[in-house]
Amino acid sequence: MTMTSHLSELRKKHRVLSETIEREQRHPASDDLTIKRMKLQKLQLKQEIEKLAEATA
């Protein structure tokens, strides 16, 4: 897998996770702990994306 395709996959995962978080937050019976974990995972993805993007620049 090339660096570009890897970055693309990470961005896709980040976008999907963001959409999932938004959907869960709108749901009245959402689990706060689950949302918190997803937000942490989203942050980790963002940090990895930024790190790889800097390395390829």
Protein backbone atom coordinates (compact mmCIF):
# COMPACT_ATOMS: atom_id res chain seq x y z
CA MET A 1 0.00 0.00 0.00
CA THR A 2 1.38 3.37 -0.96
CA MET A 3 1.55 6.25 1.48
CA THR A 4 -1.06 8.15 -0.54
CA SER A 5 -3.54 5.27 -0.51
CA HIS A 6 -2.89 4.70 3.20
CA LEU A 7 -3.64 8.37 3.93
CA SER A 8 -6.76 8.12 1.81
CA GLU A 9 -7.97 5.10 3.79
CA LEU A 10 -7.31 6.85 7.10
CA ARG A 11 -9.22 9.92 5.94
CA LYS A 12 -12.13 7.71 4.88
CA LYS A 13 -12.18 5.99 8.28
CA HIS A 14 -12.06 9.40 9.99
CA ARG A 15 -15.00 10.67 7.91
CA VAL A 16 -17.10 7.55 8.54
CA LEU A 17 -16.36 7.69 12.25
CA SER A 18 -17.32 11.37 12.34
CA GLU A 19 -20.64 10.60 10.67
CA THR A 20 -21.27 7.74 13.09
CA ILE A 21 -20.57 9.98 16.09
CA GLU A 22 -22.94 12.64 14.79
CA ARG A 23 -25.67 10.05 14.21
CA GLU A 24 -25.21 8.57 17.69
CA GLN A 25 -25.30 12.00 19.34
CA ARG A 26 -28.66 12.72 17.71
CA HIS A 27 -30.05 9.43 19.01
CA PRO A 28 -31.81 9.98 22.36
CA ALA A 29 -30.66 6.69 23.88
CA SER A 30 -27.01 7.01 22.89
CA ASP A 31 -24.32 5.66 25.17
CA ASP A 32 -22.00 8.45 26.33
CA LEU A 33 -19.09 6.08 26.96
CA THR A 34 -19.33 4.65 23.45
CA ILE A 35 -19.39 8.15 21.97
CA LYS A 36 -16.39 9.14 24.08
CA ARG A 37 -14.45 6.10 22.82
CA MET A 38 -15.35 6.88 19.21
CA LYS A 39 -14.20 10.49 19.67
CA LEU A 40 -10.90 9.27 21.07
CA GLN A 41 -10.48 6.92 18.12
CA LYS A 42 -11.30 9.80 15.76
CA LEU A 43 -8.67 11.98 17.43
CA GLN A 44 -6.07 9.22 17.13
CA LEU A 45 -6.87 8.85 13.43
CA LYS A 46 -6.54 12.61 12.95
CA GLN A 47 -3.16 12.63 14.65
CA GLU A 48 -1.94 9.74 12.53
CA ILE A 49 -3.18 11.46 9.36
CA GLU A 50 -1.37 14.67 10.28
CA LYS A 51 1.83 12.79 11.14
CA LEU A 52 1.84 10.90 7.84
CA ALA A 53 0.89 13.99 5.85
CA GLU A 54 3.85 15.88 7.33
CA ALA A 55 6.18 12.97 6.54
CA THR A 56 5.14 12.93 2.89
CA ALA A 57 5.28 16.70 2.41
